[in-house]
Structures are given as structure tokens and as C-alpha cells.
């Protein structure tokens, strides 16, 4: 949540230095893009944990608790498949970035390794959170009471 305030501060700095004192800081926009990417990456697992994600309530609310649990199990399995494919691609991308010391082609020329490493870590956290939800859902369907 606090990354939003950091982004606002950096964009304000960029606006002031570019428009008031006529000294453009070339790193500000890219830094803000990286910060926004980090914000989205880190928010994924937290969104799953807090059940803040978007759900098609039109159908979901009409289901019984067991029906909701069954639908949750199916959607979590689909999500896990997607996240595993995403993890495979992001690990491959991180390996490439490390092997080639990948940098962004710009005036600032930042390394891509930190943001790609953060992406891998956050995808792993989302997978772990998804597995937790799946375990709770399967436990509910079996009649077990899970915390």
C-alpha cells in the first residue's frame, strides 16, 4: 500500500524538476513503472488471502455452501495451472536476465534482475496461498473444520 505514496512522490519530483527547474530526471518514469509492477506482484497473494478478488456473484451466490466449495476447488485448480505456467516462464526469464545481465534499453539503463526476482518470489507466494485455499476447500468438502 505504501508503494503508492512512493510512486506519487517520485512522479511529483519528476513533474517539478521537468517543469519548474527544467532538469528532467530520466529515471523517474521507469522507477514508477517498476514500483507499480512490484505493487501488483505483491498484491496477488494478499488479495487471495483476504478474498478480495473478483468473483462472478451472479452465479456464485445462488450456490449452496458445498456448491461454492466445489466451484472454488475448480477455479483454484485452474488458477494453480495458470500460476505454474507463469512461474515456469518467469523463472526462465529470470535465468536469462541473470545470464545476460539484462538491462532495460533506456537512458537510465536499470537492471531487470530485481524486478524479475520479485516476480518469481510473488508468484511462489501466490501458489502457496492458492494451495492453502485448496486445502481448506477440500477439507470443507470432506466435512473437516479447518481454521
C-alpha atoms as a PDB file:
ATOM      1  CA  UNK A   1       0.000   0.000   0.000  1.00  0.00           C
ATOM      2  CA  UNK A   2       2.823   2.389   0.817  1.00  0.00           C
ATOM      3  CA  UNK A   3       4.333   1.928  -2.636  1.00  0.00           C
ATOM      4  CA  UNK A   4       1.545   4.148  -3.982  1.00  0.00           C
ATOM      5  CA  UNK A   5       2.848   7.037  -1.880  1.00  0.00           C
ATOM      6  CA  UNK A   6       6.372   6.377  -3.147  1.00  0.00           C
ATOM      7  CA  UNK A   7       5.103   6.472  -6.729  1.00  0.00           C
ATOM      8  CA  UNK A   8       3.266   9.745  -6.095  1.00  0.00           C
ATOM      9  CA  UNK A   9       6.400  11.285  -4.578  1.00  0.00           C
ATOM     10  CA  UNK A  10       8.608  10.224  -7.485  1.00  0.00           C
ATOM     11  CA  UNK A  11       6.103  11.453 -10.093  1.00  0.00           C
ATOM     12  CA  UNK A  12       5.768  14.750  -8.231  1.00  0.00           C
ATOM     13  CA  UNK A  13       9.559  15.057  -8.173  1.00  0.00           C
ATOM     14  CA  UNK A  14       9.610  14.371 -11.912  1.00  0.00           C
ATOM     15  CA  UNK A  15       6.936  16.996 -12.592  1.00  0.00           C
ATOM     16  CA  UNK A  16       8.697  19.643 -10.509  1.00  0.00           C
ATOM     17  CA  UNK A  17      12.184  19.023 -11.896  1.00  0.00           C
ATOM     18  CA  UNK A  18      10.954  18.827 -15.500  1.00  0.00           C
ATOM     19  CA  UNK A  19       8.508  21.756 -15.480  1.00  0.00           C
ATOM     20  CA  UNK A  20       9.783  24.126 -12.798  1.00  0.00           C
ATOM     21  CA  UNK A  21      13.583  23.910 -12.925  1.00  0.00           C
ATOM     22  CA  UNK A  22      13.823  22.396 -16.439  1.00  0.00           C
ATOM     23  CA  UNK A  23      16.003  19.454 -15.400  1.00  0.00           C
ATOM     24  CA  UNK A  24      14.282  16.238 -16.475  1.00  0.00           C
ATOM     25  CA  UNK A  25      15.090  13.183 -14.383  1.00  0.00           C
ATOM     26  CA  UNK A  26      15.034  10.271 -16.801  1.00  0.00           C
ATOM     27  CA  UNK A  27      14.793   7.584 -14.152  1.00  0.00           C
ATOM     28  CA  UNK A  28      11.519   8.744 -12.581  1.00  0.00           C
ATOM     29  CA  UNK A  29       9.051   7.238 -15.043  1.00  0.00           C
ATOM     30  CA  UNK A  30      10.840   3.883 -15.205  1.00  0.00           C
ATOM     31  CA  UNK A  31      11.199   3.772 -11.440  1.00  0.00           C
ATOM     32  CA  UNK A  32       7.463   4.372 -11.149  1.00  0.00           C
ATOM     33  CA  UNK A  33       6.752   1.604 -13.672  1.00  0.00           C
ATOM     34  CA  UNK A  34       8.892  -0.831 -11.680  1.00  0.00           C
ATOM     35  CA  UNK A  35       7.210   0.248  -8.450  1.00  0.00           C
ATOM     36  CA  UNK A  36       3.763  -0.281  -9.960  1.00  0.00           C
ATOM     37  CA  UNK A  37       4.791  -3.742 -11.169  1.00  0.00           C
ATOM     38  CA  UNK A  38       6.047  -4.571  -7.670  1.00  0.00           C
ATOM     39  CA  UNK A  39       2.777  -3.273  -6.218  1.00  0.00           C
ATOM     40  CA  UNK A  40       0.755  -5.602  -8.439  1.00  0.00           C
ATOM     41  CA  UNK A  41       3.041  -8.584  -7.878  1.00  0.00           C
ATOM     42  CA  UNK A  42       2.990  -8.249  -4.100  1.00  0.00           C
ATOM     43  CA  UNK A  43      -0.755  -7.675  -4.008  1.00  0.00           C
ATOM     44  CA  UNK A  44      -1.636 -11.016  -5.602  1.00  0.00           C
ATOM     45  CA  UNK A  45      -1.161 -13.319  -2.632  1.00  0.00           C
ATOM     46  CA  UNK A  46      -2.668 -10.769  -0.256  1.00  0.00           C
ATOM     47  CA  UNK A  47      -5.729 -10.461  -2.477  1.00  0.00           C
ATOM     48  CA  UNK A  48      -6.186 -14.227  -2.403  1.00  0.00           C
ATOM     49  CA  UNK A  49      -5.704 -14.353   1.364  1.00  0.00           C
ATOM     50  CA  UNK A  50      -8.273 -11.616   2.002  1.00  0.00           C
ATOM     51  CA  UNK A  51     -10.688 -12.947  -0.649  1.00  0.00           C
ATOM     52  CA  UNK A  52     -10.657  -9.524  -2.313  1.00  0.00           C
ATOM     53  CA  UNK A  53     -10.526 -10.926  -5.823  1.00  0.00           C
ATOM     54  CA  UNK A  54     -13.300 -10.504  -8.371  1.00  0.00           C
ATOM     55  CA  UNK A  55     -15.882 -13.264  -8.395  1.00  0.00           C
ATOM     56  CA  UNK A  56     -18.903 -13.792 -10.634  1.00  0.00           C
ATOM     57  CA  UNK A  57     -21.501 -13.374  -7.884  1.00  0.00           C
ATOM     58  CA  UNK A  58     -24.373 -13.711 -10.325  1.00  0.00           C
ATOM     59  CA  UNK A  59     -23.920 -17.486 -10.243  1.00  0.00           C
ATOM     60  CA  UNK A  60     -21.837 -17.954  -7.123  1.00  0.00           C
ATOM     61  CA  UNK A  61     -24.328 -16.502  -4.616  1.00  0.00           C
ATOM     62  CA  UNK A  62     -27.065 -18.891  -5.768  1.00  0.00           C
ATOM     63  CA  UNK A  63     -24.983 -21.966  -4.904  1.00  0.00           C
ATOM     64  CA  UNK A  64     -25.123 -23.895  -1.639  1.00  0.00           C
ATOM     65  CA  UNK A  65     -22.016 -23.807   0.600  1.00  0.00           C
ATOM     66  CA  UNK A  66     -20.918 -27.175  -0.831  1.00  0.00           C
ATOM     67  CA  UNK A  67     -21.583 -25.926  -4.368  1.00  0.00           C
ATOM     68  CA  UNK A  68     -19.487 -22.841  -3.661  1.00  0.00           C
ATOM     69  CA  UNK A  69     -16.703 -25.055  -2.310  1.00  0.00           C
ATOM     70  CA  UNK A  70     -16.803 -27.244  -5.425  1.00  0.00           C
ATOM     71  CA  UNK A  71     -16.665 -24.207  -7.692  1.00  0.00           C
ATOM     72  CA  UNK A  72     -13.831 -22.754  -5.596  1.00  0.00           C
ATOM     73  CA  UNK A  73     -11.886 -26.021  -5.933  1.00  0.00           C
ATOM     74  CA  UNK A  74     -12.254 -25.986  -9.714  1.00  0.00           C
ATOM     75  CA  UNK A  75     -11.265 -22.338 -10.040  1.00  0.00           C
ATOM     76  CA  UNK A  76      -8.302 -22.755  -7.678  1.00  0.00           C
ATOM     77  CA  UNK A  77      -7.068 -25.695  -9.767  1.00  0.00           C
ATOM     78  CA  UNK A  78      -7.330 -23.516 -12.889  1.00  0.00           C
ATOM     79  CA  UNK A  79      -5.509 -20.723 -11.065  1.00  0.00           C
ATOM     80  CA  UNK A  80      -2.774 -23.122  -9.952  1.00  0.00           C
ATOM     81  CA  UNK A  81      -2.272 -24.305 -13.520  1.00  0.00           C
ATOM     82  CA  UNK A  82      -2.007 -20.701 -14.704  1.00  0.00           C
ATOM     83  CA  UNK A  83       0.378 -19.758 -11.884  1.00  0.00           C
ATOM     84  CA  UNK A  84       2.610 -22.771 -12.548  1.00  0.00           C
ATOM     85  CA  UNK A  85       2.882 -21.833 -16.226  1.00  0.00           C
ATOM     86  CA  UNK A  86       3.565 -18.233 -15.180  1.00  0.00           C
ATOM     87  CA  UNK A  87       6.220 -19.419 -12.719  1.00  0.00           C
ATOM     88  CA  UNK A  88       7.895 -21.540 -15.370  1.00  0.00           C
ATOM     89  CA  UNK A  89       8.081 -18.557 -17.725  1.00  0.00           C
ATOM     90  CA  UNK A  90       9.193 -16.121 -15.042  1.00  0.00           C
ATOM     91  CA  UNK A  91      11.967 -18.426 -13.795  1.00  0.00           C
ATOM     92  CA  UNK A  92      13.153 -18.791 -17.385  1.00  0.00           C
ATOM     93  CA  UNK A  93      13.054 -15.017 -17.790  1.00  0.00           C
ATOM     94  CA  UNK A  94      14.962 -14.502 -14.530  1.00  0.00           C
ATOM     95  CA  UNK A  95      17.610 -17.031 -15.573  1.00  0.00           C
ATOM     96  CA  UNK A  96      18.043 -15.192 -18.874  1.00  0.00           C
ATOM     97  CA  UNK A  97      18.301 -11.849 -17.070  1.00  0.00           C
ATOM     98  CA  UNK A  98      20.983 -13.215 -14.747  1.00  0.00           C
ATOM     99  CA  UNK A  99      22.982 -14.911 -17.521  1.00  0.00           C
ATOM    100  CA  UNK A 100      22.976 -11.866 -19.786  1.00  0.00           C
ATOM    101  CA  UNK A 101      22.935  -9.175 -17.078  1.00  0.00           C
ATOM    102  CA  UNK A 102      19.809  -7.866 -18.802  1.00  0.00           C
ATOM    103  CA  UNK A 103      19.251  -4.144 -18.639  1.00  0.00           C
ATOM    104  CA  UNK A 104      16.379  -2.049 -19.876  1.00  0.00           C
ATOM    105  CA  UNK A 105      17.168  -0.133 -23.054  1.00  0.00           C
ATOM    106  CA  UNK A 106      16.763   3.433 -21.873  1.00  0.00           C
ATOM    107  CA  UNK A 107      18.766   6.404 -20.733  1.00  0.00           C
ATOM    108  CA  UNK A 108      18.619   5.180 -17.111  1.00  0.00           C
ATOM    109  CA  UNK A 109      19.510   1.596 -18.123  1.00  0.00           C
ATOM    110  CA  UNK A 110      18.392  -0.235 -14.952  1.00  0.00           C
ATOM    111  CA  UNK A 111      18.979  -3.922 -14.332  1.00  0.00           C
ATOM    112  CA  UNK A 112      15.948  -6.158 -14.884  1.00  0.00           C
ATOM    113  CA  UNK A 113      17.127  -8.762 -12.366  1.00  0.00           C
ATOM    114  CA  UNK A 114      15.492  -7.266  -9.216  1.00  0.00           C
ATOM    115  CA  UNK A 115      12.007  -6.897 -10.704  1.00  0.00           C
ATOM    116  CA  UNK A 116      12.136 -10.348 -12.281  1.00  0.00           C
ATOM    117  CA  UNK A 117      13.314 -11.896  -8.997  1.00  0.00           C
ATOM    118  CA  UNK A 118      10.458 -10.160  -7.203  1.00  0.00           C
ATOM    119  CA  UNK A 119       8.056 -11.502  -9.815  1.00  0.00           C
ATOM    120  CA  UNK A 120       9.248 -15.082  -9.211  1.00  0.00           C
ATOM    121  CA  UNK A 121       9.000 -14.686  -5.429  1.00  0.00           C
ATOM    122  CA  UNK A 122       5.493 -13.242  -5.597  1.00  0.00           C
ATOM    123  CA  UNK A 123       4.263 -15.967  -7.947  1.00  0.00           C
ATOM    124  CA  UNK A 124       5.584 -18.557  -5.483  1.00  0.00           C
ATOM    125  CA  UNK A 125       3.675 -16.786  -2.697  1.00  0.00           C
ATOM    126  CA  UNK A 126       0.505 -16.840  -4.805  1.00  0.00           C
ATOM    127  CA  UNK A 127       0.952 -20.560  -5.445  1.00  0.00           C
ATOM    128  CA  UNK A 128       1.381 -21.202  -1.717  1.00  0.00           C
ATOM    129  CA  UNK A 129      -1.712 -19.141  -0.910  1.00  0.00           C
ATOM    130  CA  UNK A 130      -3.685 -20.975  -3.606  1.00  0.00           C
ATOM    131  CA  UNK A 131      -2.610 -24.329  -2.158  1.00  0.00           C
ATOM    132  CA  UNK A 132      -3.768 -23.150   1.262  1.00  0.00           C
ATOM    133  CA  UNK A 133      -7.174 -22.196  -0.125  1.00  0.00           C
ATOM    134  CA  UNK A 134      -7.405 -25.509  -1.963  1.00  0.00           C
ATOM    135  CA  UNK A 135      -6.582 -27.452   1.226  1.00  0.00           C
ATOM    136  CA  UNK A 136      -9.258 -25.559   3.165  1.00  0.00           C
ATOM    137  CA  UNK A 137     -11.794 -26.122   0.402  1.00  0.00           C
ATOM    138  CA  UNK A 138     -11.071 -29.844   0.140  1.00  0.00           C
ATOM    139  CA  UNK A 139     -11.239 -30.104   3.923  1.00  0.00           C
ATOM    140  CA  UNK A 140     -14.641 -28.416   3.915  1.00  0.00           C
ATOM    141  CA  UNK A 141     -15.884 -30.785   1.223  1.00  0.00           C
ATOM    142  CA  UNK A 142     -14.715 -33.736   3.327  1.00  0.00           C
ATOM    143  CA  UNK A 143     -16.563 -32.353   6.331  1.00  0.00           C
ATOM    144  CA  UNK A 144     -13.490 -31.267   8.259  1.00  0.00           C
ATOM    145  CA  UNK A 145     -13.403 -27.993  10.119  1.00  0.00           C
ATOM    146  CA  UNK A 146     -10.272 -26.049   9.158  1.00  0.00           C
ATOM    147  CA  UNK A 147      -9.207 -22.724  10.579  1.00  0.00           C
END
